[in-house]
Amino acid sequence: KLLDKVGLLEKSNSYPHELSGGQQQRV
């Protein structure tokens, strides 16, 4: 639910190195 709130629900099973810096900070 929190991932959905920050717009990253589709990244739930990704690892941090697979995300941009902005996405990591939203996580």
PDB file of all heavy atoms in Angstrom:
ATOM      1  N   LYS A   1       0.833  -1.211   0.000  1.00  0.00           N
ATOM      2  CA  LYS A   1       0.000   0.000   0.000  1.00  0.00           C
ATOM      3  C   LYS A   1       0.864   1.256   0.000  1.00  0.00           C
ATOM      4  O   LYS A   1       0.552   2.246  -0.683  1.00  0.00           O
ATOM      5  CB  LYS A   1      -0.931  -0.009   1.214  1.00  0.00           C
ATOM      6  CG  LYS A   1      -2.054  -1.031   1.127  1.00  0.00           C
ATOM      7  CD  LYS A   1      -2.919  -0.997   2.379  1.00  0.00           C
ATOM      8  CE  LYS A   1      -4.030  -2.041   2.292  1.00  0.00           C
ATOM      9  NZ  LYS A   1      -4.869  -2.063   3.522  1.00  0.00           N
ATOM     10  N   LEU A   2       1.953   1.220   0.764  1.00  0.00           N
ATOM     11  CA  LEU A   2       2.850   2.370   0.807  1.00  0.00           C
ATOM     12  C   LEU A   2       3.575   2.554  -0.524  1.00  0.00           C
ATOM     13  O   LEU A   2       3.774   3.681  -0.979  1.00  0.00           O
ATOM     14  CB  LEU A   2       3.855   2.209   1.951  1.00  0.00           C
ATOM     15  CG  LEU A   2       3.264   2.399   3.348  1.00  0.00           C
ATOM     16  CD1 LEU A   2       4.249   1.929   4.407  1.00  0.00           C
ATOM     17  CD2 LEU A   2       2.898   3.855   3.576  1.00  0.00           C
ATOM     18  N   LEU A   3       3.965   1.465  -1.147  1.00  0.00           N
ATOM     19  CA  LEU A   3       4.588   1.566  -2.471  1.00  0.00           C
ATOM     20  C   LEU A   3       3.626   2.168  -3.487  1.00  0.00           C
ATOM     21  O   LEU A   3       4.021   2.963  -4.353  1.00  0.00           O
ATOM     22  CB  LEU A   3       5.071   0.193  -2.945  1.00  0.00           C
ATOM     23  CG  LEU A   3       6.377  -0.303  -2.334  1.00  0.00           C
ATOM     24  CD1 LEU A   3       6.659  -1.733  -2.765  1.00  0.00           C
ATOM     25  CD2 LEU A   3       7.538   0.615  -2.753  1.00  0.00           C
ATOM     26  N   ASP A   4       2.375   1.804  -3.380  1.00  0.00           N
ATOM     27  CA  ASP A   4       1.368   2.382  -4.265  1.00  0.00           C
ATOM     28  C   ASP A   4       1.257   3.884  -4.019  1.00  0.00           C
ATOM     29  O   ASP A   4       1.136   4.680  -4.963  1.00  0.00           O
ATOM     30  CB  ASP A   4       0.025   1.689  -4.028  1.00  0.00           C
ATOM     31  CG  ASP A   4      -1.018   2.050  -5.070  1.00  0.00           C
ATOM     32  OD1 ASP A   4      -0.640   2.316  -6.233  1.00  0.00           O
ATOM     33  OD2 ASP A   4      -2.221   2.057  -4.742  1.00  0.00           O
ATOM     34  N   LYS A   5       1.337   4.283  -2.755  1.00  0.00           N
ATOM     35  CA  LYS A   5       1.219   5.700  -2.397  1.00  0.00           C
ATOM     36  C   LYS A   5       2.353   6.523  -2.998  1.00  0.00           C
ATOM     37  O   LYS A   5       2.156   7.664  -3.423  1.00  0.00           O
ATOM     38  CB  LYS A   5       1.195   5.871  -0.879  1.00  0.00           C
ATOM     39  CG  LYS A   5       0.959   7.304  -0.419  1.00  0.00           C
ATOM     40  CD  LYS A   5       0.808   7.381   1.086  1.00  0.00           C
ATOM     41  CE  LYS A   5       0.538   8.804   1.540  1.00  0.00           C
ATOM     42  NZ  LYS A   5      -0.742   9.329   1.041  1.00  0.00           N
ATOM     43  N   VAL A   6       3.559   5.943  -3.054  1.00  0.00           N
ATOM     44  CA  VAL A   6       4.691   6.690  -3.613  1.00  0.00           C
ATOM     45  C   VAL A   6       4.909   6.375  -5.098  1.00  0.00           C
ATOM     46  O   VAL A   6       5.916   6.768  -5.685  1.00  0.00           O
ATOM     47  CB  VAL A   6       5.996   6.429  -2.817  1.00  0.00           C
ATOM     48  CG1 VAL A   6       5.835   6.869  -1.367  1.00  0.00           C
ATOM     49  CG2 VAL A   6       6.422   4.960  -2.898  1.00  0.00           C
ATOM     50  N   GLY A   7       3.956   5.659  -5.693  1.00  0.00           N
ATOM     51  CA  GLY A   7       3.996   5.432  -7.130  1.00  0.00           C
ATOM     52  C   GLY A   7       4.977   4.391  -7.603  1.00  0.00           C
ATOM     53  O   GLY A   7       5.470   4.460  -8.732  1.00  0.00           O
ATOM     54  N   LEU A   8       5.256   3.381  -6.754  1.00  0.00           N
ATOM     55  CA  LEU A   8       6.267   2.387  -7.116  1.00  0.00           C
ATOM     56  C   LEU A   8       5.780   0.947  -6.916  1.00  0.00           C
ATOM     57  O   LEU A   8       6.586   0.042  -6.718  1.00  0.00           O
ATOM     58  CB  LEU A   8       7.552   2.610  -6.303  1.00  0.00           C
ATOM     59  CG  LEU A   8       8.376   3.829  -6.679  1.00  0.00           C
ATOM     60  CD1 LEU A   8       9.514   4.013  -5.681  1.00  0.00           C
ATOM     61  CD2 LEU A   8       8.926   3.712  -8.089  1.00  0.00           C
ATOM     62  N   LEU A   9       4.486   0.747  -6.987  1.00  0.00           N
ATOM     63  CA  LEU A   9       3.958  -0.588  -6.750  1.00  0.00           C
ATOM     64  C   LEU A   9       4.539  -1.610  -7.721  1.00  0.00           C
ATOM     65  O   LEU A   9       4.820  -2.759  -7.340  1.00  0.00           O
ATOM     66  CB  LEU A   9       2.430  -0.577  -6.860  1.00  0.00           C
ATOM     67  CG  LEU A   9       1.699  -1.885  -6.539  1.00  0.00           C
ATOM     68  CD1 LEU A   9       2.013  -2.351  -5.117  1.00  0.00           C
ATOM     69  CD2 LEU A   9       0.197  -1.709  -6.715  1.00  0.00           C
ATOM     70  N   GLU A  10       4.761  -1.184  -8.948  1.00  0.00           N
ATOM     71  CA  GLU A  10       5.274  -2.115  -9.964  1.00  0.00           C
ATOM     72  C   GLU A  10       6.727  -2.507  -9.724  1.00  0.00           C
ATOM     73  O   GLU A  10       7.245  -3.441 -10.339  1.00  0.00           O
ATOM     74  CB  GLU A  10       5.129  -1.524 -11.359  1.00  0.00           C
ATOM     75  CG  GLU A  10       6.137  -0.442 -11.731  1.00  0.00           C
ATOM     76  CD  GLU A  10       5.860   0.926 -11.107  1.00  0.00           C
ATOM     77  OE1 GLU A  10       4.839   1.065 -10.387  1.00  0.00           O
ATOM     78  OE2 GLU A  10       6.657   1.847 -11.348  1.00  0.00           O
ATOM     79  N   LYS A  11       7.405  -1.819  -8.794  1.00  0.00           N
ATOM     80  CA  LYS A  11       8.814  -2.100  -8.491  1.00  0.00           C
ATOM     81  C   LYS A  11       8.975  -2.925  -7.214  1.00  0.00           C
ATOM     82  O   LYS A  11      10.088  -3.068  -6.708  1.00  0.00           O
ATOM     83  CB  LYS A  11       9.593  -0.794  -8.348  1.00  0.00           C
ATOM     84  CG  LYS A  11       9.609   0.080  -9.593  1.00  0.00           C
ATOM     85  CD  LYS A  11      10.432  -0.535 -10.703  1.00  0.00           C
ATOM     86  CE  LYS A  11      10.556   0.409 -11.882  1.00  0.00           C
ATOM     87  NZ  LYS A  11      11.352  -0.189 -12.985  1.00  0.00           N
ATOM     88  N   SER A  12       7.893  -3.504  -6.710  1.00  0.00           N
ATOM     89  CA  SER A  12       7.936  -4.150  -5.396  1.00  0.00           C
ATOM     90  C   SER A  12       8.962  -5.272  -5.305  1.00  0.00           C
ATOM     91  O   SER A  12       9.566  -5.486  -4.245  1.00  0.00           O
ATOM     92  CB  SER A  12       6.554  -4.677  -5.020  1.00  0.00           C
ATOM     93  OG  SER A  12       6.119  -5.650  -5.956  1.00  0.00           O
ATOM     94  N   ASN A  13       9.185  -5.995  -6.381  1.00  0.00           N
ATOM     95  CA  ASN A  13      10.124  -7.121  -6.356  1.00  0.00           C
ATOM     96  C   ASN A  13      11.488  -6.791  -6.957  1.00  0.00           C
ATOM     97  O   ASN A  13      12.319  -7.687  -7.143  1.00  0.00           O
ATOM     98  CB  ASN A  13       9.512  -8.322  -7.081  1.00  0.00           C
ATOM     99  CG  ASN A  13       8.296  -8.878  -6.342  1.00  0.00           C
ATOM    100  OD1 ASN A  13       8.312  -9.003  -5.121  1.00  0.00           O
ATOM    101  ND2 ASN A  13       7.230  -9.181  -7.070  1.00  0.00           N
ATOM    102  N   SER A  14      11.712  -5.519  -7.239  1.00  0.00           N
ATOM    103  CA  SER A  14      13.016  -5.090  -7.738  1.00  0.00           C
ATOM    104  C   SER A  14      13.990  -4.913  -6.576  1.00  0.00           C
ATOM    105  O   SER A  14      13.589  -4.800  -5.411  1.00  0.00           O
ATOM    106  CB  SER A  14      12.890  -3.773  -8.504  1.00  0.00           C
ATOM    107  OG  SER A  14      12.024  -3.904  -9.620  1.00  0.00           O
ATOM    108  N   TYR A  15      15.277  -4.865  -6.897  1.00  0.00           N
ATOM    109  CA  TYR A  15      16.311  -4.591  -5.905  1.00  0.00           C
ATOM    110  C   TYR A  15      16.764  -3.140  -6.051  1.00  0.00           C
ATOM    111  O   TYR A  15      16.632  -2.548  -7.139  1.00  0.00           O
ATOM    112  CB  TYR A  15      17.489  -5.552  -6.077  1.00  0.00           C
ATOM    113  CG  TYR A  15      17.172  -6.957  -5.623  1.00  0.00           C
ATOM    114  CD1 TYR A  15      16.591  -7.880  -6.494  1.00  0.00           C
ATOM    115  CD2 TYR A  15      17.428  -7.358  -4.307  1.00  0.00           C
ATOM    116  CE1 TYR A  15      16.277  -9.172  -6.069  1.00  0.00           C
ATOM    117  CE2 TYR A  15      17.117  -8.644  -3.878  1.00  0.00           C
ATOM    118  CZ  TYR A  15      16.543  -9.542  -4.760  1.00  0.00           C
ATOM    119  OH  TYR A  15      16.227 -10.816  -4.336  1.00  0.00           O
ATOM    120  N   PRO A  16      17.309  -2.551  -4.982  1.00  0.00           N
ATOM    121  CA  PRO A  16      17.690  -1.140  -5.036  1.00  0.00           C
ATOM    122  C   PRO A  16      18.580  -0.770  -6.227  1.00  0.00           C
ATOM    123  O   PRO A  16      18.390   0.301  -6.823  1.00  0.00           O
ATOM    124  CB  PRO A  16      18.414  -0.928  -3.699  1.00  0.00           C
ATOM    125  CG  PRO A  16      17.724  -1.866  -2.769  1.00  0.00           C
ATOM    126  CD  PRO A  16      17.435  -3.088  -3.606  1.00  0.00           C
ATOM    127  N   HIS A  17      19.523  -1.655  -6.603  1.00  0.00           N
ATOM    128  CA  HIS A  17      20.428  -1.301  -7.700  1.00  0.00           C
ATOM    129  C   HIS A  17      19.717  -1.223  -9.047  1.00  0.00           C
ATOM    130  O   HIS A  17      20.269  -0.704 -10.020  1.00  0.00           O
ATOM    131  CB  HIS A  17      21.593  -2.298  -7.770  1.00  0.00           C
ATOM    132  CG  HIS A  17      21.209  -3.638  -8.320  1.00  0.00           C
ATOM    133  ND1 HIS A  17      20.756  -4.666  -7.520  1.00  0.00           N
ATOM    134  CD2 HIS A  17      21.197  -4.126  -9.599  1.00  0.00           C
ATOM    135  CE1 HIS A  17      20.483  -5.728  -8.267  1.00  0.00           C
ATOM    136  NE2 HIS A  17      20.743  -5.429  -9.531  1.00  0.00           N
ATOM    137  N   GLU A  18      18.494  -1.727  -9.101  1.00  0.00           N
ATOM    138  CA  GLU A  18      17.714  -1.683 -10.339  1.00  0.00           C
ATOM    139  C   GLU A  18      16.864  -0.413 -10.441  1.00  0.00           C
ATOM    140  O   GLU A  18      16.162  -0.215 -11.431  1.00  0.00           O
ATOM    141  CB  GLU A  18      16.803  -2.913 -10.425  1.00  0.00           C
ATOM    142  CG  GLU A  18      17.569  -4.236 -10.464  1.00  0.00           C
ATOM    143  CD  GLU A  18      16.665  -5.449 -10.429  1.00  0.00           C
ATOM    144  OE1 GLU A  18      15.792  -5.517  -9.532  1.00  0.00           O
ATOM    145  OE2 GLU A  18      16.828  -6.320 -11.299  1.00  0.00           O
ATOM    146  N   LEU A  19      16.927   0.429  -9.437  1.00  0.00           N
ATOM    147  CA  LEU A  19      16.119   1.644  -9.388  1.00  0.00           C
ATOM    148  C   LEU A  19      16.967   2.883  -9.621  1.00  0.00           C
ATOM    149  O   LEU A  19      18.168   2.893  -9.346  1.00  0.00           O
ATOM    150  CB  LEU A  19      15.435   1.777  -8.025  1.00  0.00           C
ATOM    151  CG  LEU A  19      14.590   0.605  -7.528  1.00  0.00           C
ATOM    152  CD1 LEU A  19      13.989   0.946  -6.176  1.00  0.00           C
ATOM    153  CD2 LEU A  19      13.506   0.244  -8.522  1.00  0.00           C
ATOM    154  N   SER A  20      16.334   3.946 -10.083  1.00  0.00           N
ATOM    155  CA  SER A  20      16.997   5.244 -10.158  1.00  0.00           C
ATOM    156  C   SER A  20      17.146   5.814  -8.751  1.00  0.00           C
ATOM    157  O   SER A  20      16.521   5.331  -7.794  1.00  0.00           O
ATOM    158  CB  SER A  20      16.176   6.214 -11.015  1.00  0.00           C
ATOM    159  OG  SER A  20      14.976   6.577 -10.332  1.00  0.00           O
ATOM    160  N   GLY A  21      17.957   6.857  -8.633  1.00  0.00           N
ATOM    161  CA  GLY A  21      18.126   7.488  -7.330  1.00  0.00           C
ATOM    162  C   GLY A  21      16.813   8.030  -6.781  1.00  0.00           C
ATOM    163  O   GLY A  21      16.519   7.909  -5.587  1.00  0.00           O
ATOM    164  N   GLY A  22      16.000   8.622  -7.663  1.00  0.00           N
ATOM    165  CA  GLY A  22      14.717   9.151  -7.222  1.00  0.00           C
ATOM    166  C   GLY A  22      13.787   8.053  -6.740  1.00  0.00           C
ATOM    167  O   GLY A  22      13.076   8.220  -5.736  1.00  0.00           O
ATOM    168  N   GLN A  23      13.803   6.931  -7.437  1.00  0.00           N
ATOM    169  CA  GLN A  23      12.973   5.797  -7.007  1.00  0.00           C
ATOM    170  C   GLN A  23      13.454   5.236  -5.674  1.00  0.00           C
ATOM    171  O   GLN A  23      12.645   4.899  -4.799  1.00  0.00           O
ATOM    172  CB  GLN A  23      12.986   4.717  -8.087  1.00  0.00           C
ATOM    173  CG  GLN A  23      12.227   5.106  -9.351  1.00  0.00           C
ATOM    174  CD  GLN A  23      12.434   4.120 -10.486  1.00  0.00           C
ATOM    175  OE1 GLN A  23      13.472   3.459 -10.569  1.00  0.00           O
ATOM    176  NE2 GLN A  23      11.460   4.016 -11.373  1.00  0.00           N
ATOM    177  N   GLN A  24      14.765   5.147  -5.499  1.00  0.00           N
ATOM    178  CA  GLN A  24      15.297   4.655  -4.230  1.00  0.00           C
ATOM    179  C   GLN A  24      14.882   5.570  -3.069  1.00  0.00           C
ATOM    180  O   GLN A  24      14.530   5.090  -1.986  1.00  0.00           O
ATOM    181  CB  GLN A  24      16.822   4.563  -4.292  1.00  0.00           C
ATOM    182  CG  GLN A  24      17.332   3.449  -5.188  1.00  0.00           C
ATOM    183  CD  GLN A  24      18.843   3.301  -5.100  1.00  0.00           C
ATOM    184  OE1 GLN A  24      19.390   3.056  -4.036  1.00  0.00           O
ATOM    185  NE2 GLN A  24      19.515   3.466  -6.225  1.00  0.00           N
ATOM    186  N   GLN A  25      14.902   6.871  -3.298  1.00  0.00           N
ATOM    187  CA  GLN A  25      14.524   7.777  -2.227  1.00  0.00           C
ATOM    188  C   GLN A  25      13.030   7.677  -1.923  1.00  0.00           C
ATOM    189  O   GLN A  25      12.622   7.789  -0.760  1.00  0.00           O
ATOM    190  CB  GLN A  25      14.899   9.226  -2.589  1.00  0.00           C
ATOM    191  CG  GLN A  25      14.833  10.204  -1.428  1.00  0.00           C
ATOM    192  CD  GLN A  25      15.772   9.857  -0.290  1.00  0.00           C
ATOM    193  OE1 GLN A  25      15.597   8.845   0.388  1.00  0.00           O
ATOM    194  NE2 GLN A  25      16.770  10.691  -0.071  1.00  0.00           N
ATOM    195  N   ARG A  26      12.212   7.429  -2.928  1.00  0.00           N
ATOM    196  CA  ARG A  26      10.782   7.237  -2.688  1.00  0.00           C
ATOM    197  C   ARG A  26      10.535   5.957  -1.887  1.00  0.00           C
ATOM    198  O   ARG A  26       9.655   5.910  -1.031  1.00  0.00           O
ATOM    199  CB  ARG A  26      10.030   7.216  -4.015  1.00  0.00           C
ATOM    200  CG  ARG A  26       9.855   8.609  -4.609  1.00  0.00           C
ATOM    201  CD  ARG A  26       9.803   8.578  -6.120  1.00  0.00           C
ATOM    202  NE  ARG A  26       8.638   7.883  -6.625  1.00  0.00           N
ATOM    203  CZ  ARG A  26       8.495   7.520  -7.903  1.00  0.00           C
ATOM    204  NH1 ARG A  26       9.449   7.789  -8.787  1.00  0.00           N
ATOM    205  NH2 ARG A  26       7.405   6.898  -8.296  1.00  0.00           N
ATOM    206  N   VAL A  27      11.328   4.910  -2.142  1.00  0.00           N
ATOM    207  CA  VAL A  27      11.244   3.698  -1.327  1.00  0.00           C
ATOM    208  C   VAL A  27      11.639   4.018   0.119  1.00  0.00           C
ATOM    209  O   VAL A  27      11.002   3.554   1.068  1.00  0.00           O
ATOM    210  CB  VAL A  27      12.148   2.582  -1.891  1.00  0.00           C
ATOM    211  CG1 VAL A  27      12.181   1.383  -0.941  1.00  0.00           C
ATOM    212  CG2 VAL A  27      11.663   2.141  -3.266  1.00  0.00           C
TER     213      VAL A  27
END
